[in-house]
Amino acid sequence: MKPFPTELSSPINPEAHGNSPSVEAHRNLYCHHYDGCLDEAVKRGWNSFTCMACPLYGVNNPEKYEGGIEGFATQRRVV
């Protein structure tokens, strides 16, 4: 399986509330391909992207990373 980011026409509001989807709803921040997809979105000049159509969207389990997303970001930079 290959990562498959999809363009979003408008940026995701990082402080979304109510009916607005959050970043975590659109993206798998724990995916090992996330940096590559982010790079791809930048190269293509996208305003934003979603991982929801990607076959790898639900593969990585965030519960296995202590410290939430901040801990995961630190752990993956060390590896």
N, C-alpha and C. Protein backbone atom coordinates (compact mmCIF):
# COMPACT_ATOMS: atom_id res chain seq x y z
N MET A 1 0.83 -1.18 0.00
CA MET A 1 0.00 0.00 0.00
C MET A 1 0.87 1.25 0.00
N LYS A 2 0.42 2.23 -0.75
CA LYS A 2 1.14 3.49 -0.82
C LYS A 2 0.29 4.59 -0.17
N PRO A 3 0.96 5.58 0.43
CA PRO A 3 0.20 6.69 1.00
C PRO A 3 -0.50 7.48 -0.11
N PHE A 4 -1.65 8.05 0.22
CA PHE A 4 -2.47 8.73 -0.77
C PHE A 4 -3.13 9.97 -0.16
N PRO A 5 -2.39 11.09 -0.03
CA PRO A 5 -3.02 12.30 0.48
C PRO A 5 -3.95 12.89 -0.58
N THR A 6 -4.99 13.57 -0.13
CA THR A 6 -5.97 14.18 -1.02
C THR A 6 -6.07 15.67 -0.68
N GLU A 7 -6.11 16.50 -1.71
CA GLU A 7 -6.17 17.94 -1.50
C GLU A 7 -7.49 18.38 -0.85
N LEU A 8 -7.39 19.33 0.06
CA LEU A 8 -8.55 20.03 0.60
C LEU A 8 -8.50 21.46 0.08
N SER A 9 -9.64 22.00 -0.27
CA SER A 9 -9.66 23.34 -0.87
C SER A 9 -9.39 24.46 0.14
N SER A 10 -9.65 24.20 1.42
CA SER A 10 -9.38 25.22 2.43
C SER A 10 -8.62 24.60 3.60
N PRO A 11 -7.86 25.42 4.31
CA PRO A 11 -7.08 24.90 5.44
C PRO A 11 -7.97 24.35 6.55
N ILE A 12 -7.43 23.43 7.31
CA ILE A 12 -8.13 22.87 8.47
C ILE A 12 -7.91 23.82 9.64
N ASN A 13 -8.97 24.12 10.35
CA ASN A 13 -8.87 24.98 11.53
C ASN A 13 -8.32 24.15 12.69
N PRO A 14 -7.11 24.44 13.16
CA PRO A 14 -6.52 23.63 14.24
C PRO A 14 -7.27 23.73 15.56
N GLU A 15 -8.12 24.73 15.70
CA GLU A 15 -8.90 24.90 16.92
C GLU A 15 -10.38 24.67 16.64
N ALA A 16 -10.68 23.70 15.78
CA ALA A 16 -12.05 23.43 15.36
C ALA A 16 -12.92 22.98 16.53
N HIS A 17 -14.16 23.45 16.50
CA HIS A 17 -15.14 23.08 17.51
C HIS A 17 -16.47 22.82 16.82
N GLY A 18 -17.32 22.06 17.45
CA GLY A 18 -18.65 21.82 16.91
C GLY A 18 -18.63 21.00 15.65
N ASN A 19 -19.19 21.54 14.57
CA ASN A 19 -19.30 20.82 13.30
C ASN A 19 -18.04 20.86 12.45
N SER A 20 -17.07 21.69 12.82
CA SER A 20 -15.83 21.80 12.05
C SER A 20 -14.91 20.63 12.39
N PRO A 21 -14.48 19.86 11.37
CA PRO A 21 -13.57 18.75 11.65
C PRO A 21 -12.19 19.24 12.09
N SER A 22 -11.61 18.57 13.04
CA SER A 22 -10.29 18.93 13.54
C SER A 22 -9.21 18.31 12.66
N VAL A 23 -7.98 18.69 12.92
CA VAL A 23 -6.85 18.13 12.19
C VAL A 23 -6.82 16.61 12.37
N GLU A 24 -7.04 16.15 13.61
CA GLU A 24 -7.00 14.72 13.90
C GLU A 24 -8.08 13.94 13.15
N ALA A 25 -9.20 14.59 12.83
CA ALA A 25 -10.26 13.92 12.08
C ALA A 25 -9.87 13.74 10.61
N HIS A 26 -9.07 14.65 10.07
CA HIS A 26 -8.68 14.60 8.66
C HIS A 26 -7.37 13.86 8.41
N ARG A 27 -6.50 13.86 9.40
CA ARG A 27 -5.16 13.33 9.16
C ARG A 27 -4.75 12.30 10.20
N ASN A 28 -3.97 11.33 9.76
CA ASN A 28 -3.38 10.35 10.67
C ASN A 28 -2.01 10.88 11.05
N LEU A 29 -1.97 11.65 12.12
CA LEU A 29 -0.72 12.29 12.54
C LEU A 29 0.31 11.28 13.01
N TYR A 30 -0.12 10.05 13.29
CA TYR A 30 0.78 8.99 13.76
C TYR A 30 1.34 8.13 12.62
N CYS A 31 0.95 8.42 11.40
CA CYS A 31 1.40 7.63 10.25
C CYS A 31 2.89 7.88 9.97
N HIS A 32 3.58 6.83 9.65
CA HIS A 32 5.01 6.96 9.35
C HIS A 32 5.26 7.65 8.00
N HIS A 33 4.21 7.81 7.20
CA HIS A 33 4.33 8.47 5.90
C HIS A 33 3.88 9.93 5.96
N TYR A 34 3.48 10.40 7.14
CA TYR A 34 2.91 11.74 7.28
C TYR A 34 3.84 12.83 6.74
N ASP A 35 5.11 12.77 7.09
CA ASP A 35 6.05 13.80 6.62
C ASP A 35 6.12 13.82 5.09
N GLY A 36 6.13 12.66 4.48
CA GLY A 36 6.17 12.57 3.02
C GLY A 36 4.91 13.15 2.38
N CYS A 37 3.76 12.88 2.99
CA CYS A 37 2.51 13.43 2.47
C CYS A 37 2.46 14.94 2.64
N LEU A 38 2.97 15.41 3.76
CA LEU A 38 3.04 16.85 3.98
C LEU A 38 3.95 17.51 2.94
N ASP A 39 5.08 16.89 2.67
CA ASP A 39 5.99 17.39 1.63
C ASP A 39 5.31 17.41 0.27
N GLU A 40 4.56 16.36 -0.04
CA GLU A 40 3.85 16.28 -1.32
C GLU A 40 2.82 17.40 -1.45
N ALA A 41 2.08 17.66 -0.37
CA ALA A 41 1.09 18.74 -0.39
C ALA A 41 1.75 20.10 -0.63
N VAL A 42 2.90 20.31 -0.02
CA VAL A 42 3.63 21.57 -0.21
C VAL A 42 4.13 21.68 -1.65
N LYS A 43 4.70 20.60 -2.18
CA LYS A 43 5.20 20.62 -3.56
C LYS A 43 4.09 20.92 -4.57
N ARG A 44 2.89 20.42 -4.28
CA ARG A 44 1.76 20.63 -5.20
C ARG A 44 1.04 21.96 -4.96
N GLY A 45 1.45 22.68 -3.91
CA GLY A 45 0.84 23.98 -3.62
C GLY A 45 -0.56 23.88 -3.05
N TRP A 46 -0.87 22.78 -2.36
CA TRP A 46 -2.19 22.60 -1.77
C TRP A 46 -2.34 23.49 -0.54
N ASN A 47 -3.55 24.01 -0.32
CA ASN A 47 -3.86 24.75 0.91
C ASN A 47 -3.86 23.82 2.11
N SER A 48 -4.32 22.61 1.91
CA SER A 48 -4.40 21.63 2.98
C SER A 48 -4.59 20.26 2.35
N PHE A 49 -4.54 19.21 3.18
CA PHE A 49 -4.78 17.87 2.68
C PHE A 49 -5.44 17.01 3.74
N THR A 50 -6.02 15.91 3.29
CA THR A 50 -6.65 14.95 4.18
C THR A 50 -6.08 13.56 3.90
N CYS A 51 -6.10 12.74 4.91
CA CYS A 51 -5.65 11.35 4.80
C CYS A 51 -6.84 10.39 4.71
N MET A 52 -8.04 10.91 4.76
CA MET A 52 -9.23 10.07 4.89
C MET A 52 -9.43 9.07 3.75
N ALA A 53 -8.97 9.37 2.54
CA ALA A 53 -9.11 8.45 1.41
C ALA A 53 -7.92 7.50 1.28
N CYS A 54 -6.94 7.66 2.14
CA CYS A 54 -5.72 6.85 2.07
C CYS A 54 -5.97 5.46 2.67
N PRO A 55 -5.47 4.41 2.03
CA PRO A 55 -5.63 3.06 2.59
C PRO A 55 -4.87 2.86 3.89
N LEU A 56 -3.95 3.74 4.21
CA LEU A 56 -3.16 3.64 5.44
C LEU A 56 -3.74 4.48 6.58
N TYR A 57 -4.89 5.11 6.35
CA TYR A 57 -5.46 6.06 7.31
C TYR A 57 -5.62 5.49 8.72
N GLY A 58 -6.10 4.28 8.86
CA GLY A 58 -6.34 3.72 10.18
C GLY A 58 -5.30 2.73 10.65
N VAL A 59 -4.15 2.68 10.01
CA VAL A 59 -3.15 1.65 10.30
C VAL A 59 -2.44 1.84 11.64
N ASN A 60 -1.94 3.01 11.94
CA ASN A 60 -1.17 3.24 13.17
C ASN A 60 -2.09 3.58 14.34
N ASN A 61 -1.76 3.02 15.48
CA ASN A 61 -2.58 3.17 16.67
C ASN A 61 -1.97 4.20 17.62
N PRO A 62 -2.65 5.34 17.83
CA PRO A 62 -2.08 6.38 18.69
C PRO A 62 -1.95 5.99 20.15
N GLU A 63 -2.70 4.99 20.62
CA GLU A 63 -2.63 4.61 22.03
C GLU A 63 -1.26 4.05 22.42
N LYS A 64 -0.50 3.55 21.46
CA LYS A 64 0.78 2.95 21.81
C LYS A 64 1.89 3.99 22.03
N TYR A 65 1.60 5.25 21.77
CA TYR A 65 2.59 6.31 21.95
C TYR A 65 2.31 7.09 23.22
N GLU A 66 3.22 7.04 24.16
CA GLU A 66 3.06 7.79 25.40
C GLU A 66 3.26 9.28 25.14
N GLY A 67 2.49 10.08 25.80
CA GLY A 67 2.65 11.53 25.67
C GLY A 67 1.89 12.13 24.52
N GLY A 68 0.97 11.38 23.89
CA GLY A 68 0.16 11.92 22.80
C GLY A 68 0.99 12.28 21.57
N ILE A 69 0.49 13.22 20.80
CA ILE A 69 1.14 13.60 19.54
C ILE A 69 2.50 14.22 19.78
N GLU A 70 2.66 14.98 20.86
CA GLU A 70 3.96 15.59 21.14
C GLU A 70 5.01 14.51 21.42
N GLY A 71 4.62 13.50 22.18
CA GLY A 71 5.54 12.40 22.48
C GLY A 71 5.88 11.61 21.22
N PHE A 72 4.88 11.39 20.38
CA PHE A 72 5.12 10.67 19.13
C PHE A 72 6.07 11.44 18.23
N ALA A 73 5.86 12.75 18.11
CA ALA A 73 6.72 13.57 17.26
C ALA A 73 8.16 13.50 17.74
N THR A 74 8.36 13.54 19.03
CA THR A 74 9.70 13.44 19.61
C THR A 74 10.30 12.06 19.36
N GLN A 75 9.50 11.01 19.54
CA GLN A 75 9.97 9.64 19.35
C GLN A 75 10.38 9.39 17.91
N ARG A 76 9.59 9.86 16.94
CA ARG A 76 9.92 9.56 15.54
C ARG A 76 11.11 10.36 15.05
N ARG A 77 11.39 11.51 15.64
CA ARG A 77 12.58 12.28 15.25
C ARG A 77 13.86 11.62 15.76
N VAL A 78 13.75 10.91 16.86
CA VAL A 78 14.92 10.25 17.47
C VAL A 78 15.29 9.01 16.67
N VAL A 79 14.29 8.31 16.12
CA VAL A 79 14.52 7.06 15.42
C VAL A 79 15.25 7.23 14.13
